[in-house]
N, C-alpha and C. Protein backbone atom coordinates (compact mmCIF):
# COMPACT_ATOMS: atom_id res chain seq x y z
N MET A 1 17.32 -11.79 15.73
CA MET A 1 16.06 -11.14 16.03
C MET A 1 15.04 -11.50 14.96
N GLN A 2 13.86 -11.85 15.41
CA GLN A 2 12.78 -12.19 14.48
C GLN A 2 12.11 -10.92 13.96
N ASN A 3 11.69 -10.98 12.71
CA ASN A 3 10.90 -9.92 12.10
C ASN A 3 9.47 -10.44 11.96
N ILE A 4 8.53 -9.71 12.57
CA ILE A 4 7.13 -10.13 12.53
C ILE A 4 6.30 -9.02 11.89
N LEU A 5 5.53 -9.39 10.90
CA LEU A 5 4.63 -8.47 10.21
C LEU A 5 3.20 -8.84 10.56
N ILE A 6 2.45 -7.85 11.04
CA ILE A 6 1.03 -8.06 11.34
C ILE A 6 0.24 -7.20 10.37
N ILE A 7 -0.61 -7.83 9.58
CA ILE A 7 -1.46 -7.13 8.62
C ILE A 7 -2.88 -7.16 9.18
N ILE A 8 -3.47 -5.96 9.31
CA ILE A 8 -4.82 -5.86 9.85
C ILE A 8 -5.74 -5.32 8.77
N HIS A 9 -6.80 -6.07 8.47
CA HIS A 9 -7.81 -5.67 7.49
C HIS A 9 -9.11 -5.23 8.16
N ALA A 10 -9.37 -5.73 9.33
CA ALA A 10 -10.66 -5.55 9.99
C ALA A 10 -10.86 -4.10 10.43
N PRO A 11 -12.10 -3.64 10.43
CA PRO A 11 -12.37 -2.29 10.94
C PRO A 11 -12.12 -2.25 12.45
N PRO A 12 -11.73 -1.09 12.97
CA PRO A 12 -11.40 -1.01 14.39
C PRO A 12 -12.58 -1.26 15.32
N TYR A 13 -13.79 -1.01 14.84
CA TYR A 13 -14.96 -1.15 15.70
C TYR A 13 -15.94 -2.14 15.08
N GLY A 14 -16.68 -2.84 15.92
CA GLY A 14 -17.67 -3.80 15.43
C GLY A 14 -17.27 -5.24 15.65
N SER A 15 -15.98 -5.47 15.86
CA SER A 15 -15.51 -6.80 16.22
C SER A 15 -14.27 -6.61 17.09
N GLU A 16 -13.74 -7.68 17.59
CA GLU A 16 -12.57 -7.59 18.45
C GLU A 16 -11.29 -7.97 17.72
N ARG A 17 -11.33 -8.07 16.41
CA ARG A 17 -10.15 -8.49 15.66
C ARG A 17 -9.00 -7.49 15.79
N VAL A 18 -9.30 -6.19 15.70
CA VAL A 18 -8.24 -5.19 15.84
C VAL A 18 -7.70 -5.19 17.26
N LEU A 19 -8.58 -5.26 18.23
CA LEU A 19 -8.15 -5.33 19.61
C LEU A 19 -7.24 -6.54 19.83
N SER A 20 -7.62 -7.68 19.27
CA SER A 20 -6.80 -8.88 19.40
C SER A 20 -5.43 -8.70 18.75
N ALA A 21 -5.41 -8.07 17.58
CA ALA A 21 -4.14 -7.81 16.88
C ALA A 21 -3.24 -6.90 17.70
N LEU A 22 -3.81 -5.84 18.27
CA LEU A 22 -3.02 -4.90 19.07
C LEU A 22 -2.55 -5.54 20.37
N ARG A 23 -3.38 -6.38 20.96
CA ARG A 23 -2.97 -7.09 22.18
C ARG A 23 -1.81 -8.03 21.89
N LEU A 24 -1.88 -8.74 20.78
CA LEU A 24 -0.78 -9.63 20.40
C LEU A 24 0.49 -8.83 20.14
N ALA A 25 0.36 -7.74 19.40
CA ALA A 25 1.53 -6.90 19.12
C ALA A 25 2.15 -6.37 20.41
N THR A 26 1.31 -5.98 21.36
CA THR A 26 1.79 -5.48 22.65
C THR A 26 2.54 -6.58 23.40
N ALA A 27 1.99 -7.78 23.40
CA ALA A 27 2.66 -8.90 24.06
C ALA A 27 3.99 -9.22 23.39
N LEU A 28 4.01 -9.19 22.07
CA LEU A 28 5.26 -9.45 21.34
C LEU A 28 6.30 -8.37 21.61
N ALA A 29 5.85 -7.11 21.63
CA ALA A 29 6.78 -5.99 21.85
C ALA A 29 7.38 -6.05 23.25
N GLY A 30 6.64 -6.61 24.20
CA GLY A 30 7.14 -6.72 25.56
C GLY A 30 7.91 -8.00 25.83
N ASN A 31 8.02 -8.86 24.84
CA ASN A 31 8.72 -10.13 25.01
C ASN A 31 10.22 -9.91 25.13
N ASP A 32 10.88 -10.73 25.93
CA ASP A 32 12.33 -10.62 26.12
C ASP A 32 13.12 -10.82 24.83
N ALA A 33 12.56 -11.54 23.86
CA ALA A 33 13.24 -11.78 22.60
C ALA A 33 13.33 -10.52 21.75
N LYS A 34 12.51 -9.52 22.05
CA LYS A 34 12.49 -8.22 21.36
C LYS A 34 12.46 -8.35 19.83
N PRO A 35 11.40 -8.98 19.30
CA PRO A 35 11.29 -9.08 17.85
C PRO A 35 11.05 -7.70 17.22
N ALA A 36 11.42 -7.55 15.96
CA ALA A 36 11.08 -6.35 15.20
C ALA A 36 9.66 -6.54 14.71
N ILE A 37 8.77 -5.62 15.05
CA ILE A 37 7.36 -5.77 14.71
C ILE A 37 6.95 -4.63 13.80
N ARG A 38 6.26 -4.99 12.74
CA ARG A 38 5.66 -4.01 11.83
C ARG A 38 4.18 -4.31 11.73
N ILE A 39 3.38 -3.25 11.75
CA ILE A 39 1.94 -3.40 11.56
C ILE A 39 1.56 -2.62 10.33
N PHE A 40 0.83 -3.26 9.44
CA PHE A 40 0.36 -2.62 8.21
C PHE A 40 -1.16 -2.67 8.22
N LEU A 41 -1.78 -1.50 8.20
CA LEU A 41 -3.24 -1.39 8.23
C LEU A 41 -3.77 -1.28 6.80
N MET A 42 -4.72 -2.13 6.48
CA MET A 42 -5.32 -2.12 5.15
C MET A 42 -6.84 -2.03 5.27
N SER A 43 -7.49 -1.76 4.15
CA SER A 43 -8.95 -1.70 4.09
C SER A 43 -9.47 -0.78 5.18
N ASP A 44 -10.55 -1.20 5.87
CA ASP A 44 -11.16 -0.36 6.90
C ASP A 44 -10.29 -0.20 8.14
N ALA A 45 -9.25 -1.01 8.28
CA ALA A 45 -8.36 -0.87 9.43
C ALA A 45 -7.58 0.44 9.39
N THR A 46 -7.49 1.08 8.22
CA THR A 46 -6.75 2.34 8.13
C THR A 46 -7.34 3.41 9.04
N VAL A 47 -8.63 3.32 9.33
CA VAL A 47 -9.28 4.29 10.22
C VAL A 47 -8.62 4.29 11.60
N LEU A 48 -8.01 3.19 11.99
CA LEU A 48 -7.33 3.10 13.27
C LEU A 48 -6.22 4.14 13.41
N GLY A 49 -5.68 4.61 12.31
CA GLY A 49 -4.60 5.59 12.34
C GLY A 49 -5.04 7.01 12.69
N LEU A 50 -6.35 7.25 12.74
CA LEU A 50 -6.85 8.60 13.05
C LEU A 50 -6.88 8.82 14.56
N PRO A 51 -6.44 10.01 15.02
CA PRO A 51 -6.46 10.29 16.45
C PRO A 51 -7.83 10.76 16.93
N ASN A 52 -7.97 10.79 18.24
CA ASN A 52 -9.12 11.40 18.92
C ASN A 52 -10.46 10.72 18.68
N GLN A 53 -10.44 9.43 18.40
CA GLN A 53 -11.69 8.70 18.26
C GLN A 53 -12.15 8.30 19.66
N ILE A 54 -13.43 8.44 19.89
CA ILE A 54 -13.99 8.07 21.18
C ILE A 54 -14.64 6.71 21.03
N ASP A 55 -14.15 5.75 21.79
CA ASP A 55 -14.75 4.41 21.75
C ASP A 55 -15.25 4.07 23.15
N GLY A 56 -15.86 2.94 23.28
CA GLY A 56 -16.43 2.52 24.55
C GLY A 56 -15.41 2.40 25.67
N ALA A 57 -14.14 2.22 25.32
CA ALA A 57 -13.09 2.06 26.33
C ALA A 57 -12.37 3.38 26.59
N GLY A 58 -12.94 4.49 26.18
CA GLY A 58 -12.28 5.78 26.36
C GLY A 58 -11.36 6.06 25.20
N ASN A 59 -10.09 5.89 25.41
CA ASN A 59 -9.08 6.11 24.37
C ASN A 59 -8.29 4.82 24.16
N GLY A 60 -8.97 3.69 24.30
CA GLY A 60 -8.31 2.39 24.33
C GLY A 60 -7.45 2.05 23.14
N LEU A 61 -8.02 2.07 21.94
CA LEU A 61 -7.26 1.66 20.77
C LEU A 61 -6.15 2.65 20.46
N GLN A 62 -6.45 3.95 20.52
CA GLN A 62 -5.42 4.94 20.25
C GLN A 62 -4.29 4.81 21.27
N GLY A 63 -4.63 4.60 22.51
CA GLY A 63 -3.61 4.42 23.54
C GLY A 63 -2.72 3.23 23.25
N MET A 64 -3.31 2.15 22.77
CA MET A 64 -2.52 0.96 22.44
C MET A 64 -1.59 1.25 21.26
N VAL A 65 -2.11 1.96 20.25
CA VAL A 65 -1.29 2.31 19.09
C VAL A 65 -0.13 3.20 19.53
N GLU A 66 -0.41 4.19 20.36
CA GLU A 66 0.64 5.10 20.84
C GLU A 66 1.69 4.34 21.65
N GLN A 67 1.25 3.39 22.47
CA GLN A 67 2.20 2.60 23.25
C GLN A 67 3.09 1.77 22.33
N LEU A 68 2.50 1.16 21.32
CA LEU A 68 3.29 0.35 20.38
C LEU A 68 4.31 1.21 19.64
N ILE A 69 3.89 2.38 19.20
CA ILE A 69 4.82 3.28 18.51
C ILE A 69 5.97 3.66 19.45
N ALA A 70 5.64 3.94 20.71
CA ALA A 70 6.67 4.29 21.70
C ALA A 70 7.65 3.13 21.91
N GLN A 71 7.19 1.90 21.69
CA GLN A 71 8.06 0.73 21.85
C GLN A 71 8.81 0.40 20.56
N GLY A 72 8.69 1.26 19.55
CA GLY A 72 9.44 1.05 18.31
C GLY A 72 8.73 0.25 17.24
N VAL A 73 7.45 -0.02 17.44
CA VAL A 73 6.69 -0.75 16.42
C VAL A 73 6.33 0.21 15.28
N GLU A 74 6.63 -0.21 14.08
CA GLU A 74 6.33 0.60 12.89
C GLU A 74 4.88 0.34 12.49
N ILE A 75 4.10 1.42 12.38
CA ILE A 75 2.69 1.29 11.99
C ILE A 75 2.46 2.12 10.74
N ARG A 76 2.03 1.44 9.67
CA ARG A 76 1.77 2.11 8.39
C ARG A 76 0.36 1.83 7.93
N LEU A 77 -0.20 2.82 7.26
CA LEU A 77 -1.53 2.69 6.65
C LEU A 77 -1.34 2.54 5.14
N CYS A 78 -2.05 1.61 4.55
CA CYS A 78 -2.00 1.43 3.10
C CYS A 78 -2.47 2.74 2.44
N ARG A 79 -1.64 3.28 1.58
CA ARG A 79 -1.94 4.56 0.92
C ARG A 79 -3.22 4.47 0.11
N THR A 80 -3.35 3.44 -0.71
CA THR A 80 -4.53 3.30 -1.56
C THR A 80 -5.79 3.18 -0.72
N CYS A 81 -5.72 2.38 0.33
CA CYS A 81 -6.88 2.19 1.22
C CYS A 81 -7.22 3.49 1.94
N ALA A 82 -6.20 4.20 2.42
CA ALA A 82 -6.44 5.46 3.13
C ALA A 82 -7.05 6.50 2.20
N LEU A 83 -6.54 6.60 0.98
CA LEU A 83 -7.09 7.56 0.02
C LEU A 83 -8.53 7.23 -0.33
N ALA A 84 -8.83 5.95 -0.47
CA ALA A 84 -10.19 5.53 -0.81
C ALA A 84 -11.19 5.90 0.29
N ARG A 85 -10.69 6.08 1.50
CA ARG A 85 -11.55 6.42 2.64
C ARG A 85 -11.44 7.89 3.04
N GLY A 86 -10.78 8.69 2.21
CA GLY A 86 -10.67 10.12 2.47
C GLY A 86 -9.72 10.49 3.59
N LEU A 87 -8.77 9.61 3.90
CA LEU A 87 -7.87 9.85 5.02
C LEU A 87 -6.53 10.46 4.62
N GLY A 88 -6.31 10.62 3.33
CA GLY A 88 -5.00 11.03 2.83
C GLY A 88 -4.46 12.31 3.40
N ASP A 89 -5.29 13.30 3.64
CA ASP A 89 -4.84 14.60 4.13
C ASP A 89 -5.15 14.83 5.60
N LEU A 90 -5.68 13.84 6.27
CA LEU A 90 -6.04 14.00 7.68
C LEU A 90 -4.83 13.71 8.57
N PRO A 91 -4.75 14.38 9.72
CA PRO A 91 -3.64 14.08 10.65
C PRO A 91 -3.79 12.67 11.21
N LEU A 92 -2.67 12.01 11.39
CA LEU A 92 -2.65 10.66 11.93
C LEU A 92 -2.12 10.69 13.36
N ILE A 93 -2.31 9.59 14.05
CA ILE A 93 -1.69 9.44 15.37
C ILE A 93 -0.19 9.64 15.18
N PRO A 94 0.44 10.50 15.98
CA PRO A 94 1.88 10.74 15.81
C PRO A 94 2.68 9.44 15.79
N GLY A 95 3.48 9.29 14.76
CA GLY A 95 4.30 8.09 14.60
C GLY A 95 3.73 7.12 13.59
N ALA A 96 2.43 7.17 13.33
CA ALA A 96 1.83 6.34 12.28
C ALA A 96 2.04 7.06 10.95
N THR A 97 2.32 6.29 9.91
CA THR A 97 2.60 6.89 8.61
C THR A 97 1.84 6.17 7.50
N ILE A 98 1.75 6.84 6.37
CA ILE A 98 1.18 6.23 5.18
C ILE A 98 2.26 5.38 4.52
N GLY A 99 1.90 4.18 4.10
CA GLY A 99 2.84 3.29 3.43
C GLY A 99 2.30 2.87 2.07
N THR A 100 3.11 2.20 1.32
CA THR A 100 2.73 1.76 -0.02
C THR A 100 2.71 0.23 -0.09
N LEU A 101 2.10 -0.26 -1.14
CA LEU A 101 2.07 -1.71 -1.35
C LEU A 101 3.48 -2.25 -1.58
N VAL A 102 4.34 -1.46 -2.20
CA VAL A 102 5.73 -1.87 -2.38
C VAL A 102 6.41 -2.06 -1.03
N GLU A 103 6.13 -1.15 -0.08
CA GLU A 103 6.70 -1.29 1.27
C GLU A 103 6.14 -2.52 1.97
N LEU A 104 4.86 -2.80 1.77
CA LEU A 104 4.28 -4.01 2.35
C LEU A 104 4.92 -5.25 1.75
N ALA A 105 5.16 -5.24 0.45
CA ALA A 105 5.81 -6.38 -0.20
C ALA A 105 7.21 -6.59 0.37
N GLU A 106 7.96 -5.50 0.55
CA GLU A 106 9.30 -5.61 1.12
C GLU A 106 9.25 -6.14 2.56
N ALA A 107 8.31 -5.62 3.34
CA ALA A 107 8.17 -6.08 4.73
C ALA A 107 7.80 -7.55 4.78
N THR A 108 6.97 -7.99 3.83
CA THR A 108 6.57 -9.40 3.77
C THR A 108 7.77 -10.29 3.47
N LEU A 109 8.60 -9.87 2.53
CA LEU A 109 9.78 -10.66 2.18
C LEU A 109 10.79 -10.71 3.32
N GLN A 110 10.86 -9.65 4.11
CA GLN A 110 11.81 -9.61 5.22
C GLN A 110 11.29 -10.33 6.47
N ALA A 111 9.99 -10.56 6.53
CA ALA A 111 9.38 -11.12 7.74
C ALA A 111 9.67 -12.60 7.90
N ASP A 112 9.91 -12.98 9.15
CA ASP A 112 10.00 -14.39 9.49
C ASP A 112 8.60 -14.98 9.69
N LYS A 113 7.70 -14.11 10.13
CA LYS A 113 6.31 -14.52 10.35
C LYS A 113 5.40 -13.40 9.87
N VAL A 114 4.29 -13.78 9.22
CA VAL A 114 3.26 -12.83 8.81
C VAL A 114 1.96 -13.30 9.44
N ILE A 115 1.32 -12.39 10.17
CA ILE A 115 0.07 -12.70 10.86
C ILE A 115 -0.99 -11.73 10.33
N THR A 116 -2.17 -12.25 10.02
CA THR A 116 -3.23 -11.38 9.52
C THR A 116 -4.45 -11.44 10.42
N PHE A 117 -5.11 -10.30 10.52
CA PHE A 117 -6.37 -10.18 11.27
C PHE A 117 -7.39 -9.51 10.39
């Protein structure tokens, strides 16, 4: 089984980079090869972990995150990045968790592929 790490830096709104990352993760999660997928949100992408955001697509991004979590995709927010944006004590989308740079380093070493957006 392949281990794939997707690191997202881009903010969830204003460009389609996050949407593209989530679409790729969804396609990978649905692949017959069933790779192990981890997503690590950094910088402004950490905002993606917050629930109940209203975007132009209704609940599009949150719905995609929830679907990925239901498929076993691990989604972590960089602790330092989340704290810098005041997200440390806010509720997250169920299943999304705060992670550390040490965990990102371990995930990077374990990954067969690392993809960044």
